[in-house]
């Protein structure tokens, strides 16, 4: 079966509940083995309280369905990874 889109995938990966040392971001990056890139942009906030937006890119496919916002780049990426991990497509 040829998969043309990430959303055509039948997910088989079981992700573990996140904990401080190993969240969804680490698990997604490990599962993807270099096929996931992260697009992270500062979208607002004051200098002392910035707001970042993140979404994954799988190959050449923008997975903006998993766009997330957070107070840091890592927090935004972690939330986007959580959405992706729980999507059933990994």
N, C-alpha and C. Protein backbone atom coordinates (compact mmCIF):
# COMPACT_ATOMS: atom_id res chain seq x y z
N UNK A 1 0.84 -1.19 0.00
CA UNK A 1 0.00 0.00 0.00
C UNK A 1 0.88 1.25 0.00
N UNK A 2 0.65 2.13 -0.92
CA UNK A 2 1.39 3.38 -1.00
C UNK A 2 0.67 4.43 -0.16
N UNK A 3 1.41 5.05 0.72
CA UNK A 3 0.86 6.09 1.58
C UNK A 3 1.25 7.43 0.98
N UNK A 4 0.27 8.19 0.54
CA UNK A 4 0.53 9.50 -0.06
C UNK A 4 0.51 10.62 0.95
N UNK A 5 -0.16 10.41 2.05
CA UNK A 5 -0.32 11.44 3.06
C UNK A 5 -0.15 10.82 4.44
N UNK A 6 0.34 11.59 5.37
CA UNK A 6 0.43 11.13 6.75
C UNK A 6 -0.93 10.66 7.24
N UNK A 7 -1.98 11.32 6.81
CA UNK A 7 -3.32 11.02 7.29
C UNK A 7 -3.90 9.76 6.65
N UNK A 8 -3.22 9.19 5.66
CA UNK A 8 -3.61 7.91 5.08
C UNK A 8 -3.02 6.74 5.86
N UNK A 9 -2.10 7.02 6.76
CA UNK A 9 -1.42 5.98 7.52
C UNK A 9 -2.36 5.28 8.50
N UNK A 10 -2.16 3.98 8.65
CA UNK A 10 -2.80 3.22 9.72
C UNK A 10 -1.78 3.15 10.85
N UNK A 11 -2.03 3.87 11.90
CA UNK A 11 -1.07 3.93 12.99
C UNK A 11 -0.96 2.64 13.77
N UNK A 12 0.27 2.26 14.13
CA UNK A 12 0.52 1.06 14.92
C UNK A 12 1.36 1.36 16.16
N UNK A 13 1.93 2.55 16.22
CA UNK A 13 2.83 2.90 17.32
C UNK A 13 2.04 3.14 18.60
N UNK A 14 2.51 2.54 19.69
CA UNK A 14 1.94 2.77 21.02
C UNK A 14 2.86 3.72 21.78
N UNK A 15 2.36 4.87 22.14
CA UNK A 15 3.15 5.85 22.88
C UNK A 15 2.87 5.70 24.37
N UNK A 16 3.92 5.89 25.16
CA UNK A 16 3.81 5.80 26.60
C UNK A 16 3.31 7.13 27.16
N UNK A 17 2.64 7.10 28.30
CA UNK A 17 2.24 8.36 28.93
C UNK A 17 3.50 9.21 29.18
N UNK A 18 3.40 10.50 28.95
CA UNK A 18 4.59 11.35 29.12
C UNK A 18 4.97 11.51 30.58
N UNK A 19 6.25 11.72 30.81
CA UNK A 19 6.73 12.10 32.13
C UNK A 19 7.85 13.12 31.92
N UNK A 20 8.31 13.78 32.96
CA UNK A 20 9.24 14.90 32.79
C UNK A 20 10.50 14.58 31.97
N UNK A 21 10.97 13.35 32.02
CA UNK A 21 12.19 13.02 31.29
C UNK A 21 11.94 12.51 29.87
N UNK A 22 10.70 12.16 29.57
CA UNK A 22 10.40 11.59 28.24
C UNK A 22 8.96 11.89 27.87
N UNK A 23 8.78 13.03 27.23
CA UNK A 23 7.45 13.43 26.81
C UNK A 23 7.11 12.91 25.43
N UNK A 24 6.01 13.40 24.89
CA UNK A 24 5.59 12.99 23.55
C UNK A 24 6.58 13.45 22.48
N UNK A 25 7.20 14.61 22.67
CA UNK A 25 8.14 15.12 21.67
C UNK A 25 9.29 14.14 21.46
N UNK A 26 9.88 13.66 22.52
CA UNK A 26 10.98 12.69 22.40
C UNK A 26 10.50 11.41 21.74
N UNK A 27 9.31 10.96 22.10
CA UNK A 27 8.78 9.72 21.53
C UNK A 27 8.47 9.86 20.04
N UNK A 28 7.89 10.99 19.65
CA UNK A 28 7.59 11.24 18.23
C UNK A 28 8.89 11.33 17.43
N UNK A 29 9.87 12.05 17.94
CA UNK A 29 11.14 12.18 17.23
C UNK A 29 11.83 10.82 17.08
N UNK A 30 11.76 10.00 18.11
CA UNK A 30 12.34 8.65 18.04
C UNK A 30 11.60 7.81 17.01
N UNK A 31 10.27 7.84 17.04
CA UNK A 31 9.45 7.08 16.10
C UNK A 31 9.73 7.51 14.66
N UNK A 32 9.85 8.81 14.44
CA UNK A 32 9.99 9.35 13.09
C UNK A 32 11.37 9.12 12.48
N UNK A 33 12.38 8.93 13.31
CA UNK A 33 13.74 8.65 12.83
C UNK A 33 14.21 9.66 11.79
N UNK A 34 14.02 10.92 12.09
CA UNK A 34 14.53 11.97 11.21
C UNK A 34 13.60 12.41 10.10
N UNK A 35 12.41 11.84 10.00
CA UNK A 35 11.49 12.24 8.94
C UNK A 35 10.58 13.39 9.35
N UNK A 36 10.63 13.78 10.62
CA UNK A 36 9.82 14.90 11.12
C UNK A 36 10.72 16.11 11.35
N UNK A 37 10.29 17.23 10.83
CA UNK A 37 10.93 18.51 11.12
C UNK A 37 9.89 19.35 11.86
N UNK A 38 10.34 20.30 12.63
CA UNK A 38 9.42 21.14 13.41
C UNK A 38 9.51 22.58 12.93
N UNK A 39 8.37 23.14 12.63
CA UNK A 39 8.29 24.55 12.23
C UNK A 39 7.81 25.31 13.47
N UNK A 40 8.66 26.16 14.00
CA UNK A 40 8.34 26.91 15.23
C UNK A 40 8.53 28.39 14.96
N UNK A 41 7.52 29.17 15.33
CA UNK A 41 7.54 30.61 15.09
C UNK A 41 7.03 31.34 16.33
N UNK A 42 7.67 32.44 16.64
CA UNK A 42 7.12 33.30 17.69
C UNK A 42 5.98 34.09 17.07
N UNK A 43 4.80 34.00 17.68
CA UNK A 43 3.63 34.65 17.09
C UNK A 43 3.14 35.84 17.90
N UNK A 44 3.77 36.12 19.02
CA UNK A 44 3.32 37.27 19.79
C UNK A 44 3.84 37.25 21.21
N UNK A 45 3.17 38.01 22.04
CA UNK A 45 3.54 38.11 23.44
C UNK A 45 4.57 39.20 23.68
N UNK A 46 4.66 39.59 24.91
CA UNK A 46 5.66 40.57 25.32
C UNK A 46 7.03 39.89 25.35
N UNK A 47 8.09 40.70 25.44
CA UNK A 47 9.44 40.13 25.47
C UNK A 47 9.62 39.14 26.62
N UNK A 48 8.99 39.41 27.75
CA UNK A 48 9.16 38.55 28.91
C UNK A 48 8.14 37.41 28.97
N UNK A 49 7.13 37.43 28.10
CA UNK A 49 6.15 36.33 28.03
C UNK A 49 5.80 36.04 26.55
N UNK A 50 6.75 35.48 25.81
CA UNK A 50 6.50 35.22 24.40
C UNK A 50 5.50 34.09 24.19
N UNK A 51 4.93 34.06 23.00
CA UNK A 51 4.01 32.99 22.61
C UNK A 51 4.56 32.38 21.31
N UNK A 52 4.71 31.06 21.33
CA UNK A 52 5.24 30.35 20.17
C UNK A 52 4.19 29.41 19.59
N UNK A 53 4.29 29.20 18.29
CA UNK A 53 3.42 28.28 17.57
C UNK A 53 4.31 27.23 16.91
N UNK A 54 3.89 25.96 16.97
CA UNK A 54 4.68 24.89 16.37
C UNK A 54 3.78 23.90 15.65
N UNK A 55 4.30 23.34 14.56
CA UNK A 55 3.62 22.22 13.90
C UNK A 55 4.68 21.36 13.22
N UNK A 56 4.38 20.07 13.07
CA UNK A 56 5.34 19.17 12.44
C UNK A 56 5.23 19.19 10.92
N UNK A 57 6.33 18.84 10.29
CA UNK A 57 6.39 18.66 8.84
C UNK A 57 6.92 17.25 8.61
N UNK A 58 6.12 16.42 7.95
CA UNK A 58 6.49 15.02 7.68
C UNK A 58 6.86 14.90 6.21
N UNK A 59 8.13 14.68 5.93
CA UNK A 59 8.58 14.73 4.54
C UNK A 59 8.38 16.14 4.03
N UNK A 60 7.54 16.28 3.02
CA UNK A 60 7.19 17.61 2.49
C UNK A 60 5.78 18.03 2.88
N UNK A 61 5.14 17.25 3.74
CA UNK A 61 3.74 17.51 4.10
C UNK A 61 3.64 18.32 5.40
N UNK A 62 3.05 19.49 5.31
CA UNK A 62 2.82 20.31 6.50
C UNK A 62 1.66 19.69 7.27
N UNK A 63 1.90 19.36 8.51
CA UNK A 63 0.86 18.76 9.35
C UNK A 63 0.28 19.81 10.28
N UNK A 64 -0.24 20.87 9.67
CA UNK A 64 -0.73 21.99 10.47
C UNK A 64 -1.99 21.66 11.26
N UNK A 65 -2.57 20.50 11.03
CA UNK A 65 -3.69 20.04 11.87
C UNK A 65 -3.23 19.87 13.32
N UNK A 66 -1.93 19.67 13.49
CA UNK A 66 -1.37 19.48 14.83
C UNK A 66 -0.70 20.75 15.35
N UNK A 67 -1.10 21.90 14.87
CA UNK A 67 -0.54 23.17 15.33
C UNK A 67 -0.87 23.38 16.80
N UNK A 68 0.14 23.81 17.54
CA UNK A 68 -0.04 24.06 18.98
C UNK A 68 0.67 25.35 19.36
N UNK A 69 0.25 25.91 20.47
CA UNK A 69 0.80 27.17 20.98
C UNK A 69 1.31 26.93 22.39
N UNK A 70 2.41 27.60 22.73
CA UNK A 70 2.95 27.47 24.07
C UNK A 70 3.82 28.65 24.45
N UNK A 71 4.18 28.74 25.74
CA UNK A 71 4.99 29.86 26.23
C UNK A 71 6.48 29.72 25.90
N UNK A 72 6.87 28.59 25.33
CA UNK A 72 8.25 28.38 24.89
C UNK A 72 8.21 27.53 23.63
N UNK A 73 9.33 27.50 22.92
CA UNK A 73 9.39 26.66 21.72
C UNK A 73 9.15 25.21 22.09
N UNK A 74 9.81 24.76 23.16
CA UNK A 74 9.69 23.37 23.58
C UNK A 74 8.26 23.03 23.99
N UNK A 75 7.59 23.92 24.70
CA UNK A 75 6.21 23.66 25.13
C UNK A 75 5.27 23.57 23.94
N UNK A 76 5.45 24.43 22.96
CA UNK A 76 4.62 24.38 21.75
C UNK A 76 4.87 23.10 20.98
N UNK A 77 6.13 22.70 20.85
CA UNK A 77 6.47 21.46 20.16
C UNK A 77 5.94 20.24 20.90
N UNK A 78 6.03 20.25 22.22
CA UNK A 78 5.53 19.13 23.03
C UNK A 78 4.03 18.95 22.83
N UNK A 79 3.29 20.04 22.82
CA UNK A 79 1.84 19.96 22.63
C UNK A 79 1.50 19.48 21.22
N UNK A 80 2.22 19.97 20.22
CA UNK A 80 2.00 19.50 18.85
C UNK A 80 2.32 18.02 18.74
N UNK A 81 3.38 17.58 19.40
CA UNK A 81 3.75 16.16 19.41
C UNK A 81 2.67 15.33 20.10
N UNK A 82 2.09 15.86 21.17
CA UNK A 82 1.01 15.15 21.86
C UNK A 82 -0.17 14.94 20.91
N UNK A 83 -0.56 16.00 20.21
CA UNK A 83 -1.67 15.89 19.26
C UNK A 83 -1.38 14.86 18.18
N UNK A 84 -0.15 14.87 17.71
CA UNK A 84 0.25 13.92 16.67
C UNK A 84 0.27 12.49 17.20
N UNK A 85 0.83 12.30 18.38
CA UNK A 85 0.94 10.96 18.98
C UNK A 85 -0.44 10.34 19.22
N UNK A 86 -1.39 11.16 19.59
CA UNK A 86 -2.73 10.66 19.91
C UNK A 86 -3.66 10.62 18.70
N UNK A 87 -3.14 10.95 17.52
CA UNK A 87 -3.97 11.01 16.31
C UNK A 87 -4.33 9.65 15.74
N UNK A 88 -3.53 8.63 16.07
CA UNK A 88 -3.77 7.31 15.51
C UNK A 88 -3.14 7.09 14.15
N UNK A 89 -2.29 8.03 13.70
CA UNK A 89 -1.65 7.89 12.39
C UNK A 89 -0.17 7.54 12.48
N UNK A 90 0.37 7.42 13.69
CA UNK A 90 1.81 7.12 13.83
C UNK A 90 2.05 5.62 13.89
